[in-house]
C-alpha atoms as a PDB file:
ATOM      1  CA  MET A   1      -5.786   7.919 -39.902  1.00  0.00           C
ATOM      2  CA  GLU A   2      -9.563   8.212 -39.728  1.00  0.00           C
ATOM      3  CA  SER A   3     -11.286  10.045 -36.899  1.00  0.00           C
ATOM      4  CA  SER A   4     -13.921   8.543 -34.620  1.00  0.00           C
ATOM      5  CA  LEU A   5     -16.575  10.427 -36.601  1.00  0.00           C
ATOM      6  CA  VAL A   6     -15.644   8.540 -39.747  1.00  0.00           C
ATOM      7  CA  ARG A   7     -14.789   5.239 -38.121  1.00  0.00           C
ATOM      8  CA  PHE A   8     -18.048   4.990 -36.189  1.00  0.00           C
ATOM      9  CA  GLY A   9     -20.259   7.313 -38.232  1.00  0.00           C
ATOM     10  CA  ILE A  10     -20.556   5.031 -41.245  1.00  0.00           C
ATOM     11  CA  PRO A  11     -21.554   1.868 -39.326  1.00  0.00           C
ATOM     12  CA  ALA A  12     -23.855   3.893 -37.075  1.00  0.00           C
ATOM     13  CA  ILE A  13     -25.801   5.196 -40.071  1.00  0.00           C
ATOM     14  CA  ALA A  14     -25.910   1.718 -41.612  1.00  0.00           C
ATOM     15  CA  LEU A  15     -27.275   0.167 -38.422  1.00  0.00           C
ATOM     16  CA  ALA A  16     -29.795   2.982 -38.016  1.00  0.00           C
ATOM     17  CA  LEU A  17     -31.065   2.397 -41.557  1.00  0.00           C
ATOM     18  CA  ALA A  18     -31.320  -1.341 -40.979  1.00  0.00           C
ATOM     19  CA  SER A  19     -33.348  -0.689 -37.843  1.00  0.00           C
ATOM     20  CA  LEU A  20     -35.618   1.784 -39.641  1.00  0.00           C
ATOM     21  CA  ILE A  21     -36.388  -0.765 -42.340  1.00  0.00           C
ATOM     22  CA  VAL A  22     -37.414  -3.328 -39.732  1.00  0.00           C
ATOM     23  CA  VAL A  23     -39.623  -0.767 -37.958  1.00  0.00           C
ATOM     24  CA  ALA A  24     -41.098   0.281 -41.317  1.00  0.00           C
ATOM     25  CA  VAL A  25     -42.237  -3.279 -42.019  1.00  0.00           C
ATOM     26  CA  TRP A  26     -43.947  -3.486 -38.626  1.00  0.00           C
ATOM     27  CA  PHE A  27     -45.643  -0.117 -39.128  1.00  0.00           C
ATOM     28  CA  ALA A  28     -46.755  -0.866 -42.698  1.00  0.00           C
ATOM     29  CA  GLU A  29     -48.216  -4.220 -41.723  1.00  0.00           C
ATOM     30  CA  ARG A  30     -50.129  -2.572 -38.883  1.00  0.00           C
ATOM     31  CA  GLU A  31     -51.524   0.105 -41.195  1.00  0.00           C
ATOM     32  CA  LEU A  32     -52.588  -2.535 -43.723  1.00  0.00           C
ATOM     33  CA  GLY A  33     -54.497  -4.431 -41.048  1.00  0.00           C
ATOM     34  CA  SER A  34     -52.335  -7.539 -40.758  1.00  0.00           C
ATOM     35  CA  SER A  35     -52.908  -9.738 -37.746  1.00  0.00           C
ATOM     36  CA  SER A  36     -50.497  -9.462 -34.834  1.00  0.00           C
ATOM     37  CA  ARG A  37     -49.035 -12.862 -35.668  1.00  0.00           C
ATOM     38  CA  THR A  38     -48.487 -11.997 -39.327  1.00  0.00           C
ATOM     39  CA  ARG A  39     -47.030  -8.621 -38.433  1.00  0.00           C
ATOM     40  CA  LEU A  40     -44.586 -10.200 -35.980  1.00  0.00           C
ATOM     41  CA  ARG A  41     -43.591 -12.944 -38.415  1.00  0.00           C
ATOM     42  CA  ARG A  42     -42.880 -10.527 -41.254  1.00  0.00           C
ATOM     43  CA  THR A  43     -41.025  -8.115 -39.001  1.00  0.00           C
ATOM     44  CA  LEU A  44     -38.809 -10.871 -37.620  1.00  0.00           C
ATOM     45  CA  ALA A  45     -38.169 -12.181 -41.133  1.00  0.00           C
ATOM     46  CA  THR A  46     -37.060  -8.699 -42.172  1.00  0.00           C
ATOM     47  CA  LEU A  47     -34.822  -8.451 -39.117  1.00  0.00           C
ATOM     48  CA  ALA A  48     -33.208 -11.788 -39.945  1.00  0.00           C
ATOM     49  CA  PHE A  49     -32.664 -10.807 -43.579  1.00  0.00           C
ATOM     50  CA  VAL A  50     -31.149  -7.421 -42.738  1.00  0.00           C
ATOM     51  CA  ALA A  51     -28.887  -8.929 -40.076  1.00  0.00           C
ATOM     52  CA  ALA A  52     -27.748 -11.638 -42.500  1.00  0.00           C
ATOM     53  CA  TRP A  53     -26.929  -9.038 -45.166  1.00  0.00           C
ATOM     54  CA  LEU A  54     -24.914  -6.930 -42.719  1.00  0.00           C
ATOM     55  CA  ALA A  55     -23.036 -10.010 -41.537  1.00  0.00           C
ATOM     56  CA  PHE A  56     -22.383 -11.209 -45.093  1.00  0.00           C
ATOM     57  CA  VAL A  57     -20.910  -7.876 -46.174  1.00  0.00           C
ATOM     58  CA  ALA A  58     -18.808  -7.708 -43.003  1.00  0.00           C
ATOM     59  CA  VAL A  59     -17.381 -11.172 -43.672  1.00  0.00           C
ATOM     60  CA  LEU A  60     -16.574 -10.245 -47.282  1.00  0.00           C
ATOM     61  CA  ALA A  61     -14.691  -7.169 -46.149  1.00  0.00           C
ATOM     62  CA  LEU A  62     -12.904  -8.679 -43.147  1.00  0.00           C
ATOM     63  CA  SER A  63     -11.804 -11.716 -45.168  1.00  0.00           C
ATOM     64  CA  GLY A  64     -10.198  -9.476 -47.787  1.00  0.00           C
ATOM     65  CA  ALA A  65     -12.401 -10.894 -50.544  1.00  0.00           C
ATOM     66  CA  LEU A  66     -13.637  -7.479 -51.678  1.00  0.00           C
ATOM     67  CA  ALA A  67     -10.054  -6.315 -52.213  1.00  0.00           C
ATOM     68  CA  ARG A  68      -9.207  -9.205 -54.556  1.00  0.00           C
ATOM     69  CA  PHE A  69      -8.631  -7.805 -58.031  1.00  0.00           C
ATOM     70  CA  ASP A  70      -6.497 -10.691 -59.244  1.00  0.00           C
ATOM     71  CA  VAL A  71      -9.581 -12.798 -60.019  1.00  0.00           C
ATOM     72  CA  ARG A  72     -12.163 -12.326 -62.758  1.00  0.00           C
ATOM     73  CA  PRO A  73     -14.749 -11.096 -62.224  1.00  0.00           C
ATOM     74  CA  PRO A  74     -13.500  -9.222 -59.176  1.00  0.00           C
ATOM     75  CA  PRO A  75     -15.701  -9.843 -56.108  1.00  0.00           C
ATOM     76  CA  MET A  76     -16.060  -6.071 -55.693  1.00  0.00           C
ATOM     77  CA  LEU A  77     -17.764  -5.770 -59.078  1.00  0.00           C
ATOM     78  CA  ALA A  78     -20.173  -8.616 -58.321  1.00  0.00           C
ATOM     79  CA  TRP A  79     -20.884  -7.024 -54.956  1.00  0.00           C
ATOM     80  CA  PHE A  80     -21.737  -3.715 -56.643  1.00  0.00           C
ATOM     81  CA  VAL A  81     -24.180  -5.479 -58.950  1.00  0.00           C
ATOM     82  CA  VAL A  82     -25.898  -7.301 -56.085  1.00  0.00           C
ATOM     83  CA  THR A  83     -26.099  -4.053 -54.085  1.00  0.00           C
ATOM     84  CA  LEU A  84     -28.119  -2.506 -56.913  1.00  0.00           C
ATOM     85  CA  VAL A  85     -30.153  -5.491 -58.101  1.00  0.00           C
ATOM     86  CA  LEU A  86     -31.261  -6.798 -54.692  1.00  0.00           C
ATOM     87  CA  PRO A  87     -33.077  -3.624 -53.520  1.00  0.00           C
ATOM     88  CA  LEU A  88     -34.694  -3.294 -56.942  1.00  0.00           C
ATOM     89  CA  VAL A  89     -36.025  -6.841 -56.821  1.00  0.00           C
ATOM     90  CA  ILE A  90     -37.380  -6.424 -53.283  1.00  0.00           C
ATOM     91  CA  ALA A  91     -38.871  -2.980 -53.952  1.00  0.00           C
ATOM     92  CA  LEU A  92     -40.681  -4.288 -57.038  1.00  0.00           C
ATOM     93  CA  SER A  93     -41.914  -7.396 -55.236  1.00  0.00           C
ATOM     94  CA  PRO A  94     -45.121  -7.768 -53.176  1.00  0.00           C
ATOM     95  CA  ILE A  95     -43.014  -6.827 -50.137  1.00  0.00           C
ATOM     96  CA  GLY A  96     -42.221  -3.482 -51.709  1.00  0.00           C
ATOM     97  CA  ARG A  97     -45.838  -2.965 -52.656  1.00  0.00           C
ATOM     98  CA  ARG A  98     -46.977  -3.478 -49.062  1.00  0.00           C
ATOM     99  CA  LEU A  99     -44.384  -1.021 -47.796  1.00  0.00           C
ATOM    100  CA  ALA A 100     -45.345   1.545 -50.439  1.00  0.00           C
ATOM    101  CA  LEU A 101     -49.043   1.272 -49.562  1.00  0.00           C
ATOM    102  CA  GLY A 102     -48.633   0.956 -45.802  1.00  0.00           C
ATOM    103  CA  LEU A 103     -46.252   3.855 -45.235  1.00  0.00           C
ATOM    104  CA  PRO A 104     -47.216   7.526 -45.636  1.00  0.00           C
ATOM    105  CA  PHE A 105     -45.473   9.705 -48.205  1.00  0.00           C
ATOM    106  CA  GLY A 106     -43.901  11.755 -45.449  1.00  0.00           C
ATOM    107  CA  ALA A 107     -42.145   8.705 -44.035  1.00  0.00           C
ATOM    108  CA  LEU A 108     -41.008   7.424 -47.440  1.00  0.00           C
ATOM    109  CA  VAL A 109     -39.565  10.804 -48.415  1.00  0.00           C
ATOM    110  CA  GLY A 110     -38.236  11.676 -44.959  1.00  0.00           C
ATOM    111  CA  PHE A 111     -36.368   8.351 -44.872  1.00  0.00           C
ATOM    112  CA  GLN A 112     -33.904   9.786 -47.383  1.00  0.00           C
ATOM    113  CA  LEU A 113     -32.849  12.374 -44.803  1.00  0.00           C
ATOM    114  CA  PHE A 114     -30.033   9.971 -43.868  1.00  0.00           C
ATOM    115  CA  ARG A 115     -28.165  11.174 -46.962  1.00  0.00           C
ATOM    116  CA  LEU A 116     -27.472  14.510 -45.256  1.00  0.00           C
ATOM    117  CA  PRO A 117     -25.419  13.215 -42.289  1.00  0.00           C
ATOM    118  CA  LEU A 118     -23.942  10.529 -44.527  1.00  0.00           C
ATOM    119  CA  GLU A 119     -22.545  13.103 -46.944  1.00  0.00           C
ATOM    120  CA  LEU A 120     -21.103  15.109 -44.058  1.00  0.00           C
ATOM    121  CA  VAL A 121     -19.307  12.027 -42.754  1.00  0.00           C
ATOM    122  CA  MET A 122     -18.121  11.140 -46.269  1.00  0.00           C
ATOM    123  CA  HIS A 123     -16.755  14.647 -46.738  1.00  0.00           C
ATOM    124  CA  ARG A 124     -14.825  14.257 -43.509  1.00  0.00           C
ATOM    125  CA  ALA A 125     -13.520  10.912 -44.753  1.00  0.00           C
ATOM    126  CA  ALA A 126     -12.288  12.609 -47.920  1.00  0.00           C
ATOM    127  CA  VAL A 127     -10.570  15.370 -45.923  1.00  0.00           C
ATOM    128  CA  GLU A 128      -8.800  12.724 -43.842  1.00  0.00           C
ATOM    129  CA  GLY A 129      -7.714  10.821 -46.935  1.00  0.00           C
ATOM    130  CA  VAL A 130      -9.803   7.757 -46.108  1.00  0.00           C
ATOM    131  CA  MET A 131     -12.027   8.150 -49.170  1.00  0.00           C
ATOM    132  CA  PRO A 132     -11.321   9.556 -52.654  1.00  0.00           C
ATOM    133  CA  ASN A 133     -12.191  13.240 -52.811  1.00  0.00           C
ATOM    134  CA  VAL A 134     -14.204  12.721 -56.016  1.00  0.00           C
ATOM    135  CA  MET A 135     -16.778  10.775 -53.975  1.00  0.00           C
ATOM    136  CA  SER A 136     -17.514  13.725 -51.673  1.00  0.00           C
ATOM    137  CA  TYR A 137     -19.473  16.922 -52.323  1.00  0.00           C
ATOM    138  CA  SER A 138     -16.190  18.698 -52.956  1.00  0.00           C
ATOM    139  CA  GLY A 139     -15.828  16.336 -55.902  1.00  0.00           C
ATOM    140  CA  TYR A 140     -18.674  14.890 -57.995  1.00  0.00           C
ATOM    141  CA  ASN A 141     -21.072  13.798 -55.278  1.00  0.00           C
ATOM    142  CA  PHE A 142     -24.064  16.124 -54.917  1.00  0.00           C
ATOM    143  CA  ASP A 143     -26.226  13.634 -53.047  1.00  0.00           C
ATOM    144  CA  ILE A 144     -26.335  15.938 -50.043  1.00  0.00           C
ATOM    145  CA  VAL A 145     -29.045  17.810 -51.965  1.00  0.00           C
ATOM    146  CA  SER A 146     -31.256  14.721 -51.672  1.00  0.00           C
ATOM    147  CA  GLY A 147     -30.861  14.692 -47.897  1.00  0.00           C
ATOM    148  CA  ILE A 148     -31.564  18.398 -47.475  1.00  0.00           C
ATOM    149  CA  THR A 149     -34.629  18.348 -49.710  1.00  0.00           C
ATOM    150  CA  ALA A 150     -35.910  15.159 -48.045  1.00  0.00           C
ATOM    151  CA  LEU A 151     -35.840  17.039 -44.745  1.00  0.00           C
ATOM    152  CA  ALA A 152     -37.695  19.999 -46.251  1.00  0.00           C
ATOM    153  CA  LEU A 153     -40.336  17.804 -47.905  1.00  0.00           C
ATOM    154  CA  GLY A 154     -40.734  15.706 -44.784  1.00  0.00           C
ATOM    155  CA  VAL A 155     -41.537  18.840 -42.775  1.00  0.00           C
ATOM    156  CA  ALA A 156     -43.915  19.989 -45.518  1.00  0.00           C
ATOM    157  CA  PHE A 157     -45.785  16.675 -45.398  1.00  0.00           C
ATOM    158  CA  ALA A 158     -46.214  17.059 -41.658  1.00  0.00           C
ATOM    159  CA  LEU A 159     -47.753  20.505 -42.060  1.00  0.00           C
ATOM    160  CA  THR A 160     -49.721  20.677 -45.290  1.00  0.00           C
ATOM    161  CA  GLU A 161     -50.518  19.144 -48.665  1.00  0.00           C
ATOM    162  CA  VAL A 162     -47.678  18.707 -51.127  1.00  0.00           C
ATOM    163  CA  PRO A 163     -48.060  18.843 -54.931  1.00  0.00           C
ATOM    164  CA  ARG A 164     -47.624  15.429 -56.525  1.00  0.00           C
ATOM    165  CA  ALA A 165     -45.515  17.014 -59.248  1.00  0.00           C
ATOM    166  CA  LEU A 166     -43.079  18.223 -56.603  1.00  0.00           C
ATOM    167  CA  VAL A 167     -42.750  14.750 -55.067  1.00  0.00           C
ATOM    168  CA  LEU A 168     -42.252  13.231 -58.509  1.00  0.00           C
ATOM    169  CA  ALA A 169     -39.593  15.824 -59.403  1.00  0.00           C
ATOM    170  CA  TRP A 170     -37.821  15.261 -56.093  1.00  0.00           C
ATOM    171  CA  ASN A 171     -37.823  11.505 -56.613  1.00  0.00           C
ATOM    172  CA  VAL A 172     -36.386  11.825 -60.120  1.00  0.00           C
ATOM    173  CA  VAL A 173     -33.681  14.267 -59.068  1.00  0.00           C
ATOM    174  CA  GLY A 174     -32.743  12.144 -56.060  1.00  0.00           C
ATOM    175  CA  SER A 175     -32.524   9.042 -58.245  1.00  0.00           C
ATOM    176  CA  VAL A 176     -30.289  10.851 -60.741  1.00  0.00           C
ATOM    177  CA  LEU A 177     -27.987  12.110 -57.997  1.00  0.00           C
ATOM    178  CA  LEU A 178     -27.763   8.581 -56.609  1.00  0.00           C
ATOM    179  CA  ALA A 179     -26.916   7.229 -60.061  1.00  0.00           C
ATOM    180  CA  ILE A 180     -24.166   9.840 -60.433  1.00  0.00           C
ATOM    181  CA  ILE A 181     -22.371   8.939 -57.206  1.00  0.00           C
ATOM    182  CA  VAL A 182     -22.716   5.214 -57.908  1.00  0.00           C
ATOM    183  CA  GLY A 183     -21.173   5.840 -61.333  1.00  0.00           C
ATOM    184  CA  VAL A 184     -18.343   7.836 -59.770  1.00  0.00           C
ATOM    185  CA  ALA A 185     -17.728   5.106 -57.173  1.00  0.00           C
ATOM    186  CA  VAL A 186     -17.500   2.424 -59.867  1.00  0.00           C
ATOM    187  CA  ALA A 187     -15.342   4.580 -62.157  1.00  0.00           C
ATOM    188  CA  ALA A 188     -12.917   5.207 -59.292  1.00  0.00           C
ATOM    189  CA  THR A 189     -12.371   1.506 -58.544  1.00  0.00           C
ATOM    190  CA  PRO A 190      -9.037  -0.127 -59.415  1.00  0.00           C
ATOM    191  CA  LEU A 191     -10.803  -1.641 -62.428  1.00  0.00           C
ATOM    192  CA  PHE A 192     -11.067   1.730 -64.176  1.00  0.00           C
ATOM    193  CA  ARG A 193      -9.074   4.366 -62.204  1.00  0.00           C
ATOM    194  CA  ALA A 194     -10.993   7.010 -64.129  1.00  0.00           C
ATOM    195  CA  PHE A 195      -9.822   9.826 -61.856  1.00  0.00           C
ATOM    196  CA  GLY A 196      -6.166   8.876 -61.669  1.00  0.00           C
ATOM    197  CA  PRO A 197      -3.994   6.909 -59.219  1.00  0.00           C
ATOM    198  CA  GLU A 198      -4.631   9.373 -56.385  1.00  0.00           C
ATOM    199  CA  GLN A 199      -8.407   8.891 -56.517  1.00  0.00           C
ATOM    200  CA  VAL A 200      -8.904   5.124 -56.285  1.00  0.00           C
ATOM    201  CA  ASN A 201     -11.966   3.767 -54.500  1.00  0.00           C
ATOM    202  CA  LEU A 202     -10.631   1.081 -52.188  1.00  0.00           C
ATOM    203  CA  TRP A 203     -12.083   2.271 -48.912  1.00  0.00           C
ATOM    204  CA  VAL A 204     -15.377   0.404 -49.405  1.00  0.00           C
ATOM    205  CA  THR A 205     -13.480  -2.885 -49.514  1.00  0.00           C
ATOM    206  CA  ARG A 206     -12.611  -2.418 -45.830  1.00  0.00           C
ATOM    207  CA  PHE A 207     -14.813  -2.947 -42.790  1.00  0.00           C
ATOM    208  CA  PRO A 208     -16.860  -1.050 -41.612  1.00  0.00           C
ATOM    209  CA  TYR A 209     -16.877   1.061 -44.781  1.00  0.00           C
ATOM    210  CA  ALA A 210     -18.147  -1.877 -46.822  1.00  0.00           C
ATOM    211  CA  TRP A 211     -21.470  -1.146 -45.136  1.00  0.00           C
ATOM    212  CA  MET A 212     -21.753   1.807 -47.513  1.00  0.00           C
ATOM    213  CA  SER A 213     -23.609  -0.755 -49.615  1.00  0.00           C
ATOM    214  CA  VAL A 214     -26.442  -0.507 -47.077  1.00  0.00           C
ATOM    215  CA  MET A 215     -26.733   3.220 -47.772  1.00  0.00           C
ATOM    216  CA  VAL A 216     -26.753   2.794 -51.536  1.00  0.00           C
ATOM    217  CA  ALA A 217     -29.285  -0.040 -51.388  1.00  0.00           C
ATOM    218  CA  SER A 218     -31.498   1.887 -48.947  1.00  0.00           C
ATOM    219  CA  ALA A 219     -31.528   5.039 -51.083  1.00  0.00           C
ATOM    220  CA  LEU A 220     -32.422   3.076 -54.211  1.00  0.00           C
ATOM    221  CA  PHE A 221     -35.015   1.041 -52.353  1.00  0.00           C
ATOM    222  CA  GLY A 222     -36.613   4.212 -50.997  1.00  0.00           C
ATOM    223  CA  HIS A 223     -36.848   5.899 -54.394  1.00  0.00           C
ATOM    224  CA  VAL A 224     -38.570   2.877 -55.937  1.00  0.00           C
ATOM    225  CA  LEU A 225     -41.075   2.782 -53.070  1.00  0.00           C
ATOM    226  CA  VAL A 226     -41.930   6.460 -53.576  1.00  0.00           C
ATOM    227  CA  ALA A 227     -42.455   5.792 -57.297  1.00  0.00           C
ATOM    228  CA  ARG A 228     -44.703   2.822 -56.519  1.00  0.00           C
ATOM    229  CA  LYS A 229     -46.766   4.863 -54.084  1.00  0.00           C
ATOM    230  CA  LEU A 230     -47.141   7.679 -56.603  1.00  0.00           C
ATOM    231  CA  LEU A 231     -48.428   5.191 -59.161  1.00  0.00           C
ATOM    232  CA  ALA A 232     -50.679   3.380 -56.696  1.00  0.00           C
ATOM    233  CA  THR A 233     -52.311   6.537 -55.324  1.00  0.00           C
ATOM    234  CA  ARG A 234     -52.715   8.584 -58.486  1.00  0.00           C
ATOM    235  CA  THR A 235     -56.227  10.001 -58.805  1.00  0.00           C
ATOM    236  CA  ARG A 236     -57.584  12.240 -61.525  1.00  0.00           C
ATOM    237  CA  GLY A 237     -58.181  15.748 -60.205  1.00  0.00           C
ATOM    238  CA  ALA A 238     -55.939  15.254 -57.145  1.00  0.00           C
ATOM    239  CA  PRO A 239     -52.810  17.358 -57.798  1.00  0.00           C
ATOM    240  CA  SER A 240     -51.722  17.303 -54.142  1.00  0.00           C
ATOM    241  CA  ILE A 241     -50.837  14.651 -51.585  1.00  0.00           C
ATOM    242  CA  GLN A 242     -52.277  14.680 -48.080  1.00  0.00           C
ATOM    243  CA  THR A 243     -50.251  15.324 -44.958  1.00  0.00           C
ATOM    244  CA  MET A 244     -48.169  12.857 -42.991  1.00  0.00           C
ATOM    245  CA  ALA A 245     -51.194  11.123 -41.606  1.00  0.00           C
ATOM    246  CA  GLY A 246     -52.726  10.652 -45.038  1.00  0.00           C
ATOM    247  CA  THR A 247     -51.674   8.877 -48.201  1.00  0.00           C
END
C-alpha cells in the first residue's frame, strides 16, 4: 500500500505546477506591458484551462476509462498522445511566444526544478510497489539529473551571466532524458509489456497518479519555451545570458 508521501506527493506537485503556470502567465503579461484588464483576462483563461485539464484527467481515471485495454485504440494510448501534442501546440503558439519573451531565463530553467522532488517521490512509489521499478532512477529514469541541474542553473542565473551554449546543452539533455522516460512509460504499458509481466505501467491509469500527465506536459512545455527564448534572444557577439533580472 502506498505511503502518504506517494499518495499526496504526486497530486501536490501537479497542483503546484498548475499554479505556477497560472502565475507565469500573469507575470509574463505584466513584463510585456499588457493592460491590467488584458492581464487578468488571460490569467483567468489560463486558470480555467488548467483546472479543466486537471478535472478531465481525474474523470478519465476515476471512471476507469484509462484502464480499458479491451477497446481499440486504448484510451490510455490516446491520452499519452494528447499529453505530448497539447503542450507542444500551446508552446509553439502565440501564447508560448509571450511566455518565452515575458519570463526570464532563470525562471524558465528553474521551473524544471520540480523534476527533482518528483523523481524522489517516484522512487518511493517504486520501492512500495506502486510504480514499475523501471520508471524510477533505479531503473531507466535519469530525469532527476534535469531537476538537479535546473536548480544549479537557476542559482547561477540569479548570481551571474550564464553561457548560452550551456543553457542550450542543458535544454537538449533535459529533453532527451524526458523522451527516455516517456518511452519507458509507454513501453511498460500493457500494450507492449517490454519489461516483463512484473514491470507493467498501470499506476498512471489510477487517480491521483493520472496527474503524472501534468508533469510530463509541463516538462515538455518548459523545454520548448527555453528553446523559443534562445532563438528569440540570440545576438551575434553575445555568448552569455544576463542574470535573473535580464533576458
